[in-house]
């Protein structure tokens, strides 16, 4: 009847909910200020938060399955996240 959720799943989901709330609040601020310059500042701030949430959420997930991962797979996951962050930050 009751499903017990893993702590890692709850942590990851709560971080994604927090991220979504921050995005919605940022959209509200953009509409409230109604200035392109301030909207760009808010949008730039979101560019810092997004990758941070990605890294933290991925770290929680990796710690949740750390006992099931070999070192080689763990290495490839870290490299993959690094490539994602590099691709997001590159011009």
PDB file of N, CA and C in Angstrom:
ATOM      1  N   UNK A   1       0.819  -1.193   0.000  1.00  0.00           N
ATOM      2  CA  UNK A   1       0.000   0.000   0.000  1.00  0.00           C
ATOM      3  C   UNK A   1       0.867   1.263   0.000  1.00  0.00           C
ATOM      4  N   UNK A   2       1.847   1.293   0.869  1.00  0.00           N
ATOM      5  CA  UNK A   2       2.742   2.441   0.921  1.00  0.00           C
ATOM      6  C   UNK A   2       4.045   2.106   0.223  1.00  0.00           C
ATOM      7  N   UNK A   3       4.534   3.030  -0.571  1.00  0.00           N
ATOM      8  CA  UNK A   3       5.815   2.858  -1.236  1.00  0.00           C
ATOM      9  C   UNK A   3       6.853   3.691  -0.499  1.00  0.00           C
ATOM     10  N   UNK A   4       7.921   3.052  -0.113  1.00  0.00           N
ATOM     11  CA  UNK A   4       8.996   3.759   0.577  1.00  0.00           C
ATOM     12  C   UNK A   4       9.982   4.245  -0.477  1.00  0.00           C
ATOM     13  N   UNK A   5      10.161   5.551  -0.532  1.00  0.00           N
ATOM     14  CA  UNK A   5      11.080   6.142  -1.502  1.00  0.00           C
ATOM     15  C   UNK A   5      12.484   6.187  -0.928  1.00  0.00           C
ATOM     16  N   UNK A   6      13.446   6.030  -1.806  1.00  0.00           N
ATOM     17  CA  UNK A   6      14.838   6.135  -1.383  1.00  0.00           C
ATOM     18  C   UNK A   6      15.179   7.585  -1.074  1.00  0.00           C
ATOM     19  N   UNK A   7      16.107   7.774  -0.157  1.00  0.00           N
ATOM     20  CA  UNK A   7      16.523   9.124   0.225  1.00  0.00           C
ATOM     21  C   UNK A   7      17.112   9.876  -0.962  1.00  0.00           C
ATOM     22  N   UNK A   8      17.847   9.169  -1.814  1.00  0.00           N
ATOM     23  CA  UNK A   8      18.449   9.824  -2.982  1.00  0.00           C
ATOM     24  C   UNK A   8      17.370  10.346  -3.919  1.00  0.00           C
ATOM     25  N   UNK A   9      16.312   9.583  -4.120  1.00  0.00           N
ATOM     26  CA  UNK A   9      15.212  10.010  -4.993  1.00  0.00           C
ATOM     27  C   UNK A   9      14.517  11.243  -4.426  1.00  0.00           C
ATOM     28  N   UNK A  10      14.275  11.229  -3.123  1.00  0.00           N
ATOM     29  CA  UNK A  10      13.624  12.386  -2.491  1.00  0.00           C
ATOM     30  C   UNK A  10      14.506  13.627  -2.622  1.00  0.00           C
ATOM     31  N   UNK A  11      15.806  13.479  -2.382  1.00  0.00           N
ATOM     32  CA  UNK A  11      16.724  14.613  -2.507  1.00  0.00           C
ATOM     33  C   UNK A  11      16.780  15.158  -3.920  1.00  0.00           C
ATOM     34  N   UNK A  12      16.859  14.255  -4.894  1.00  0.00           N
ATOM     35  CA  UNK A  12      16.920  14.691  -6.292  1.00  0.00           C
ATOM     36  C   UNK A  12      15.631  15.397  -6.699  1.00  0.00           C
ATOM     37  N   UNK A  13      14.499  14.836  -6.311  1.00  0.00           N
ATOM     38  CA  UNK A  13      13.210  15.440  -6.664  1.00  0.00           C
ATOM     39  C   UNK A  13      13.035  16.805  -6.000  1.00  0.00           C
ATOM     40  N   UNK A  14      13.421  16.913  -4.742  1.00  0.00           N
ATOM     41  CA  UNK A  14      13.293  18.199  -4.048  1.00  0.00           C
ATOM     42  C   UNK A  14      14.182  19.271  -4.679  1.00  0.00           C
ATOM     43  N   UNK A  15      15.369  18.890  -5.110  1.00  0.00           N
ATOM     44  CA  UNK A  15      16.236  19.857  -5.789  1.00  0.00           C
ATOM     45  C   UNK A  15      15.619  20.322  -7.104  1.00  0.00           C
ATOM     46  N   UNK A  16      15.019  19.402  -7.847  1.00  0.00           N
ATOM     47  CA  UNK A  16      14.376  19.778  -9.115  1.00  0.00           C
ATOM     48  C   UNK A  16      13.148  20.656  -8.871  1.00  0.00           C
ATOM     49  N   UNK A  17      12.404  20.383  -7.811  1.00  0.00           N
ATOM     50  CA  UNK A  17      11.267  21.242  -7.459  1.00  0.00           C
ATOM     51  C   UNK A  17      11.769  22.630  -7.089  1.00  0.00           C
ATOM     52  N   UNK A  18      12.834  22.700  -6.290  1.00  0.00           N
ATOM     53  CA  UNK A  18      13.427  23.987  -5.926  1.00  0.00           C
ATOM     54  C   UNK A  18      13.884  24.734  -7.167  1.00  0.00           C
ATOM     55  N   UNK A  19      14.531  24.030  -8.084  1.00  0.00           N
ATOM     56  CA  UNK A  19      14.997  24.651  -9.325  1.00  0.00           C
ATOM     57  C   UNK A  19      13.825  25.208 -10.127  1.00  0.00           C
ATOM     58  N   UNK A  20      12.753  24.450 -10.225  1.00  0.00           N
ATOM     59  CA  UNK A  20      11.572  24.919 -10.949  1.00  0.00           C
ATOM     60  C   UNK A  20      10.954  26.150 -10.300  1.00  0.00           C
ATOM     61  N   UNK A  21      10.908  26.154  -8.976  1.00  0.00           N
ATOM     62  CA  UNK A  21      10.366  27.321  -8.264  1.00  0.00           C
ATOM     63  C   UNK A  21      11.225  28.554  -8.495  1.00  0.00           C
ATOM     64  N   UNK A  22      12.541  28.368  -8.509  1.00  0.00           N
ATOM     65  CA  UNK A  22      13.442  29.490  -8.787  1.00  0.00           C
ATOM     66  C   UNK A  22      13.202  30.025 -10.199  1.00  0.00           C
ATOM     67  N   UNK A  23      13.017  29.128 -11.166  1.00  0.00           N
ATOM     68  CA  UNK A  23      12.742  29.534 -12.554  1.00  0.00           C
ATOM     69  C   UNK A  23      11.438  30.329 -12.643  1.00  0.00           C
ATOM     70  N   UNK A  24      10.411  29.849 -11.984  1.00  0.00           N
ATOM     71  CA  UNK A  24       9.116  30.545 -12.013  1.00  0.00           C
ATOM     72  C   UNK A  24       9.233  31.909 -11.345  1.00  0.00           C
ATOM     73  N   UNK A  25       9.940  31.972 -10.214  1.00  0.00           N
ATOM     74  CA  UNK A  25      10.120  33.245  -9.533  1.00  0.00           C
ATOM     75  C   UNK A  25      10.916  34.222 -10.399  1.00  0.00           C
ATOM     76  N   UNK A  26      11.912  33.714 -11.115  1.00  0.00           N
ATOM     77  CA  UNK A  26      12.694  34.566 -12.014  1.00  0.00           C
ATOM     78  C   UNK A  26      11.815  35.120 -13.132  1.00  0.00           C
ATOM     79  N   UNK A  27      10.926  34.291 -13.673  1.00  0.00           N
ATOM     80  CA  UNK A  27      10.003  34.767 -14.712  1.00  0.00           C
ATOM     81  C   UNK A  27       9.083  35.850 -14.153  1.00  0.00           C
ATOM     82  N   UNK A  28       8.619  35.656 -12.927  1.00  0.00           N
ATOM     83  CA  UNK A  28       7.786  36.671 -12.280  1.00  0.00           C
ATOM     84  C   UNK A  28       8.543  37.990 -12.129  1.00  0.00           C
ATOM     85  N   UNK A  29       9.825  37.896 -11.710  1.00  0.00           N
ATOM     86  CA  UNK A  29      10.621  39.112 -11.545  1.00  0.00           C
ATOM     87  C   UNK A  29      10.828  39.831 -12.874  1.00  0.00           C
ATOM     88  N   UNK A  30      11.051  39.058 -13.937  1.00  0.00           N
ATOM     89  CA  UNK A  30      11.214  39.671 -15.259  1.00  0.00           C
ATOM     90  C   UNK A  30       9.965  40.442 -15.650  1.00  0.00           C
ATOM     91  N   UNK A  31       8.819  39.857 -15.427  1.00  0.00           N
ATOM     92  CA  UNK A  31       7.559  40.527 -15.766  1.00  0.00           C
ATOM     93  C   UNK A  31       7.348  41.733 -14.851  1.00  0.00           C
ATOM     94  N   UNK A  32       7.651  41.574 -13.592  1.00  0.00           N
ATOM     95  CA  UNK A  32       7.448  42.657 -12.627  1.00  0.00           C
ATOM     96  C   UNK A  32       8.308  43.882 -12.939  1.00  0.00           C
ATOM     97  N   UNK A  33       9.604  43.651 -13.242  1.00  0.00           N
ATOM     98  CA  UNK A  33      10.499  44.776 -13.519  1.00  0.00           C
ATOM     99  C   UNK A  33      10.256  45.384 -14.897  1.00  0.00           C
ATOM    100  N   UNK A  34       9.875  44.565 -15.864  1.00  0.00           N
ATOM    101  CA  UNK A  34       9.515  45.027 -17.208  1.00  0.00           C
ATOM    102  C   UNK A  34      10.622  45.861 -17.857  1.00  0.00           C
ATOM    103  N   UNK A  35      11.873  45.461 -17.631  1.00  0.00           N
ATOM    104  CA  UNK A  35      13.020  46.128 -18.240  1.00  0.00           C
ATOM    105  C   UNK A  35      13.953  45.052 -18.800  1.00  0.00           C
ATOM    106  N   UNK A  36      14.407  45.249 -20.021  1.00  0.00           N
ATOM    107  CA  UNK A  36      15.251  44.254 -20.683  1.00  0.00           C
ATOM    108  C   UNK A  36      16.558  44.072 -19.924  1.00  0.00           C
ATOM    109  N   UNK A  37      17.155  45.143 -19.450  1.00  0.00           N
ATOM    110  CA  UNK A  37      18.434  45.049 -18.756  1.00  0.00           C
ATOM    111  C   UNK A  37      18.315  44.196 -17.498  1.00  0.00           C
ATOM    112  N   UNK A  38      17.273  44.432 -16.707  1.00  0.00           N
ATOM    113  CA  UNK A  38      17.082  43.648 -15.486  1.00  0.00           C
ATOM    114  C   UNK A  38      16.724  42.206 -15.811  1.00  0.00           C
ATOM    115  N   UNK A  39      15.966  41.996 -16.879  1.00  0.00           N
ATOM    116  CA  UNK A  39      15.614  40.635 -17.290  1.00  0.00           C
ATOM    117  C   UNK A  39      16.867  39.856 -17.694  1.00  0.00           C
ATOM    118  N   UNK A  40      17.804  40.523 -18.349  1.00  0.00           N
ATOM    119  CA  UNK A  40      19.057  39.872 -18.722  1.00  0.00           C
ATOM    120  C   UNK A  40      19.887  39.507 -17.493  1.00  0.00           C
ATOM    121  N   UNK A  41      19.889  40.372 -16.502  1.00  0.00           N
ATOM    122  CA  UNK A  41      20.615  40.078 -15.259  1.00  0.00           C
ATOM    123  C   UNK A  41      19.995  38.867 -14.565  1.00  0.00           C
ATOM    124  N   UNK A  42      18.672  38.830 -14.502  1.00  0.00           N
ATOM    125  CA  UNK A  42      17.974  37.696 -13.885  1.00  0.00           C
ATOM    126  C   UNK A  42      18.256  36.417 -14.663  1.00  0.00           C
ATOM    127  N   UNK A  43      18.201  36.497 -15.976  1.00  0.00           N
ATOM    128  CA  UNK A  43      18.457  35.327 -16.816  1.00  0.00           C
ATOM    129  C   UNK A  43      19.892  34.822 -16.655  1.00  0.00           C
ATOM    130  N   UNK A  44      20.830  35.741 -16.527  1.00  0.00           N
ATOM    131  CA  UNK A  44      22.224  35.359 -16.321  1.00  0.00           C
ATOM    132  C   UNK A  44      22.406  34.664 -14.973  1.00  0.00           C
ATOM    133  N   UNK A  45      21.683  35.131 -13.982  1.00  0.00           N
ATOM    134  CA  UNK A  45      21.739  34.475 -12.674  1.00  0.00           C
ATOM    135  C   UNK A  45      21.236  33.040 -12.766  1.00  0.00           C
ATOM    136  N   UNK A  46      20.225  32.819 -13.578  1.00  0.00           N
ATOM    137  CA  UNK A  46      19.703  31.462 -13.758  1.00  0.00           C
ATOM    138  C   UNK A  46      20.725  30.557 -14.441  1.00  0.00           C
ATOM    139  N   UNK A  47      21.565  31.143 -15.281  1.00  0.00           N
ATOM    140  CA  UNK A  47      22.600  30.356 -15.964  1.00  0.00           C
ATOM    141  C   UNK A  47      23.615  29.801 -14.966  1.00  0.00           C
ATOM    142  N   UNK A  48      23.747  30.420 -13.804  1.00  0.00           N
ATOM    143  CA  UNK A  48      24.632  29.907 -12.767  1.00  0.00           C
ATOM    144  C   UNK A  48      23.950  28.816 -11.944  1.00  0.00           C
ATOM    145  N   UNK A  49      22.662  28.976 -11.722  1.00  0.00           N
ATOM    146  CA  UNK A  49      21.918  28.050 -10.872  1.00  0.00           C
ATOM    147  C   UNK A  49      21.686  26.706 -11.567  1.00  0.00           C
ATOM    148  N   UNK A  50      21.362  26.723 -12.862  1.00  0.00           N
ATOM    149  CA  UNK A  50      21.042  25.498 -13.595  1.00  0.00           C
ATOM    150  C   UNK A  50      22.125  24.438 -13.543  1.00  0.00           C
ATOM    151  N   UNK A  51      23.361  24.772 -13.933  1.00  0.00           N
ATOM    152  CA  UNK A  51      24.435  23.768 -13.865  1.00  0.00           C
ATOM    153  C   UNK A  51      24.735  23.307 -12.439  1.00  0.00           C
ATOM    154  N   UNK A  52      24.588  24.201 -11.475  1.00  0.00           N
ATOM    155  CA  UNK A  52      24.812  23.831 -10.080  1.00  0.00           C
ATOM    156  C   UNK A  52      23.799  22.772  -9.638  1.00  0.00           C
ATOM    157  N   UNK A  53      22.538  22.976  -9.986  1.00  0.00           N
ATOM    158  CA  UNK A  53      21.501  21.997  -9.657  1.00  0.00           C
ATOM    159  C   UNK A  53      21.795  20.679 -10.368  1.00  0.00           C
ATOM    160  N   UNK A  54      22.234  20.740 -11.633  1.00  0.00           N
ATOM    161  CA  UNK A  54      22.579  19.532 -12.384  1.00  0.00           C
ATOM    162  C   UNK A  54      23.671  18.739 -11.677  1.00  0.00           C
ATOM    163  N   UNK A  55      24.721  19.408 -11.265  1.00  0.00           N
ATOM    164  CA  UNK A  55      25.848  18.732 -10.626  1.00  0.00           C
ATOM    165  C   UNK A  55      25.428  18.138  -9.280  1.00  0.00           C
ATOM    166  N   UNK A  56      24.702  18.891  -8.487  1.00  0.00           N
ATOM    167  CA  UNK A  56      24.285  18.391  -7.170  1.00  0.00           C
ATOM    168  C   UNK A  56      23.330  17.210  -7.309  1.00  0.00           C
ATOM    169  N   UNK A  57      22.367  17.322  -8.226  1.00  0.00           N
ATOM    170  CA  UNK A  57      21.420  16.236  -8.438  1.00  0.00           C
ATOM    171  C   UNK A  57      22.137  14.982  -8.938  1.00  0.00           C
ATOM    172  N   UNK A  58      23.068  15.148  -9.855  1.00  0.00           N
ATOM    173  CA  UNK A  58      23.840  14.009 -10.357  1.00  0.00           C
ATOM    174  C   UNK A  58      24.680  13.392  -9.247  1.00  0.00           C
ATOM    175  N   UNK A  59      25.275  14.225  -8.418  1.00  0.00           N
ATOM    176  CA  UNK A  59      26.083  13.718  -7.306  1.00  0.00           C
ATOM    177  C   UNK A  59      25.232  12.901  -6.335  1.00  0.00           C
ATOM    178  N   UNK A  60      24.044  13.389  -6.022  1.00  0.00           N
ATOM    179  CA  UNK A  60      23.154  12.636  -5.135  1.00  0.00           C
ATOM    180  C   UNK A  60      22.802  11.287  -5.763  1.00  0.00           C
ATOM    181  N   UNK A  61      22.502  11.287  -7.050  1.00  0.00           N
ATOM    182  CA  UNK A  61      22.174  10.043  -7.739  1.00  0.00           C
ATOM    183  C   UNK A  61      23.341   9.071  -7.759  1.00  0.00           C
ATOM    184  N   UNK A  62      24.534   9.581  -7.986  1.00  0.00           N
ATOM    185  CA  UNK A  62      25.719   8.716  -8.011  1.00  0.00           C
ATOM    186  C   UNK A  62      25.991   8.133  -6.629  1.00  0.00           C
ATOM    187  N   UNK A  63      25.843   8.953  -5.592  1.00  0.00           N
ATOM    188  CA  UNK A  63      26.036   8.425  -4.242  1.00  0.00           C
ATOM    189  C   UNK A  63      24.974   7.383  -3.906  1.00  0.00           C
ATOM    190  N   UNK A  64      23.780   7.553  -4.483  1.00  0.00           N
ATOM    191  CA  UNK A  64      22.707   6.590  -4.252  1.00  0.00           C
ATOM    192  C   UNK A  64      22.983   5.228  -4.862  1.00  0.00           C
ATOM    193  N   UNK A  65      23.750   5.191  -5.957  1.00  0.00           N
ATOM    194  CA  UNK A  65      24.054   3.904  -6.600  1.00  0.00           C
ATOM    195  C   UNK A  65      25.544   3.582  -6.552  1.00  0.00           C
ATOM    196  N   UNK A  66      26.279   4.248  -5.686  1.00  0.00           N
ATOM    197  CA  UNK A  66      27.737   4.082  -5.634  1.00  0.00           C
ATOM    198  C   UNK A  66      28.144   2.637  -5.368  1.00  0.00           C
ATOM    199  N   UNK A  67      27.375   1.918  -4.566  1.00  0.00           N
ATOM    200  CA  UNK A  67      27.755   0.538  -4.261  1.00  0.00           C
ATOM    201  C   UNK A  67      27.549  -0.393  -5.458  1.00  0.00           C
ATOM    202  N   UNK A  68      26.769   0.040  -6.457  1.00  0.00           N
ATOM    203  CA  UNK A  68      26.490  -0.778  -7.634  1.00  0.00           C
ATOM    204  C   UNK A  68      27.373  -0.430  -8.826  1.00  0.00           C
ATOM    205  N   UNK A  69      28.162   0.659  -8.721  1.00  0.00           N
ATOM    206  CA  UNK A  69      28.981   1.124  -9.850  1.00  0.00           C
ATOM    207  C   UNK A  69      30.419   0.647  -9.731  1.00  0.00           C
ATOM    208  N   UNK A  70      30.981   0.271 -10.857  1.00  0.00           N
ATOM    209  CA  UNK A  70      32.410  -0.001 -10.888  1.00  0.00           C
ATOM    210  C   UNK A  70      33.138   1.332 -11.044  1.00  0.00           C
ATOM    211  N   UNK A  71      34.420   1.318 -10.776  1.00  0.00           N
ATOM    212  CA  UNK A  71      35.207   2.553 -10.897  1.00  0.00           C
ATOM    213  C   UNK A  71      35.183   3.076 -12.330  1.00  0.00           C
ATOM    214  N   UNK A  72      35.237   2.177 -13.307  1.00  0.00           N
ATOM    215  CA  UNK A  72      35.220   2.584 -14.715  1.00  0.00           C
ATOM    216  C   UNK A  72      33.938   3.320 -15.088  1.00  0.00           C
ATOM    217  N   UNK A  73      32.797   2.808 -14.649  1.00  0.00           N
ATOM    218  CA  UNK A  73      31.521   3.480 -14.946  1.00  0.00           C
ATOM    219  C   UNK A  73      31.420   4.814 -14.212  1.00  0.00           C
ATOM    220  N   UNK A  74      31.908   4.839 -12.983  1.00  0.00           N
ATOM    221  CA  UNK A  74      31.918   6.084 -12.220  1.00  0.00           C
ATOM    222  C   UNK A  74      32.747   7.141 -12.940  1.00  0.00           C
ATOM    223  N   UNK A  75      33.888   6.735 -13.465  1.00  0.00           N
ATOM    224  CA  UNK A  75      34.767   7.638 -14.218  1.00  0.00           C
ATOM    225  C   UNK A  75      34.039   8.194 -15.439  1.00  0.00           C
ATOM    226  N   UNK A  76      33.345   7.349 -16.217  1.00  0.00           N
ATOM    227  CA  UNK A  76      32.635   7.794 -17.414  1.00  0.00           C
ATOM    228  C   UNK A  76      31.491   8.752 -17.077  1.00  0.00           C
ATOM    229  N   UNK A  77      30.825   8.527 -15.960  1.00  0.00           N
ATOM    230  CA  UNK A  77      29.754   9.447 -15.537  1.00  0.00           C
ATOM    231  C   UNK A  77      30.338  10.824 -15.237  1.00  0.00           C
ATOM    232  N   UNK A  78      31.435  10.861 -14.511  1.00  0.00           N
ATOM    233  CA  UNK A  78      32.079  12.143 -14.180  1.00  0.00           C
ATOM    234  C   UNK A  78      32.537  12.851 -15.458  1.00  0.00           C
ATOM    235  N   UNK A  79      33.125  12.114 -16.387  1.00  0.00           N
ATOM    236  CA  UNK A  79      33.549  12.701 -17.661  1.00  0.00           C
ATOM    237  C   UNK A  79      32.346  13.242 -18.425  1.00  0.00           C
ATOM    238  N   UNK A  80      31.249  12.502 -18.437  1.00  0.00           N
ATOM    239  CA  UNK A  80      30.030  12.938 -19.133  1.00  0.00           C
ATOM    240  C   UNK A  80      29.468  14.229 -18.562  1.00  0.00           C
ATOM    241  N   UNK A  81      29.406  14.326 -17.245  1.00  0.00           N
ATOM    242  CA  UNK A  81      28.920  15.556 -16.610  1.00  0.00           C
ATOM    243  C   UNK A  81      29.872  16.710 -16.932  1.00  0.00           C
ATOM    244  N   UNK A  82      31.152  16.430 -16.938  1.00  0.00           N
ATOM    245  CA  UNK A  82      32.128  17.472 -17.302  1.00  0.00           C
ATOM    246  C   UNK A  82      31.919  17.975 -18.718  1.00  0.00           C
ATOM    247  N   UNK A  83      31.644  17.057 -19.655  1.00  0.00           N
ATOM    248  CA  UNK A  83      31.370  17.459 -21.033  1.00  0.00           C
ATOM    249  C   UNK A  83      30.100  18.305 -21.129  1.00  0.00           C
ATOM    250  N   UNK A  84      29.077  17.931 -20.389  1.00  0.00           N
ATOM    251  CA  UNK A  84      27.844  18.715 -20.386  1.00  0.00           C
ATOM    252  C   UNK A  84      28.118  20.126 -19.910  1.00  0.00           C
ATOM    253  N   UNK A  85      28.831  20.249 -18.797  1.00  0.00           N
ATOM    254  CA  UNK A  85      29.133  21.582 -18.272  1.00  0.00           C
ATOM    255  C   UNK A  85      30.015  22.381 -19.225  1.00  0.00           C
ATOM    256  N   UNK A  86      30.969  21.719 -19.841  1.00  0.00           N
ATOM    257  CA  UNK A  86      31.823  22.397 -20.825  1.00  0.00           C
ATOM    258  C   UNK A  86      31.002  22.887 -22.008  1.00  0.00           C
ATOM    259  N   UNK A  87      30.088  22.059 -22.491  1.00  0.00           N
ATOM    260  CA  UNK A  87      29.241  22.441 -23.619  1.00  0.00           C
ATOM    261  C   UNK A  87      28.307  23.588 -23.296  1.00  0.00           C
ATOM    262  N   UNK A  88      27.833  23.637 -22.077  1.00  0.00           N
ATOM    263  CA  UNK A  88      26.919  24.721 -21.684  1.00  0.00           C
ATOM    264  C   UNK A  88      27.679  26.024 -21.546  1.00  0.00           C
ATOM    265  N   UNK A  89      28.879  25.979 -21.043  1.00  0.00           N
ATOM    266  CA  UNK A  89      29.638  27.202 -20.786  1.00  0.00           C
ATOM    267  C   UNK A  89      30.454  27.681 -21.981  1.00  0.00           C
ATOM    268  N   UNK A  90      30.636  26.881 -23.003  1.00  0.00           N
ATOM    269  CA  UNK A  90      31.436  27.284 -24.154  1.00  0.00           C
ATOM    270  C   UNK A  90      30.663  28.210 -25.071  1.00  0.00           C
ATOM    271  N   UNK A  91      31.406  28.985 -25.867  1.00  0.00           N
ATOM    272  CA  UNK A  91      30.759  29.881 -26.846  1.00  0.00           C
ATOM    273  C   UNK A  91      30.560  29.175 -28.129  1.00  0.00           C
TER     274      UNK A  91
END
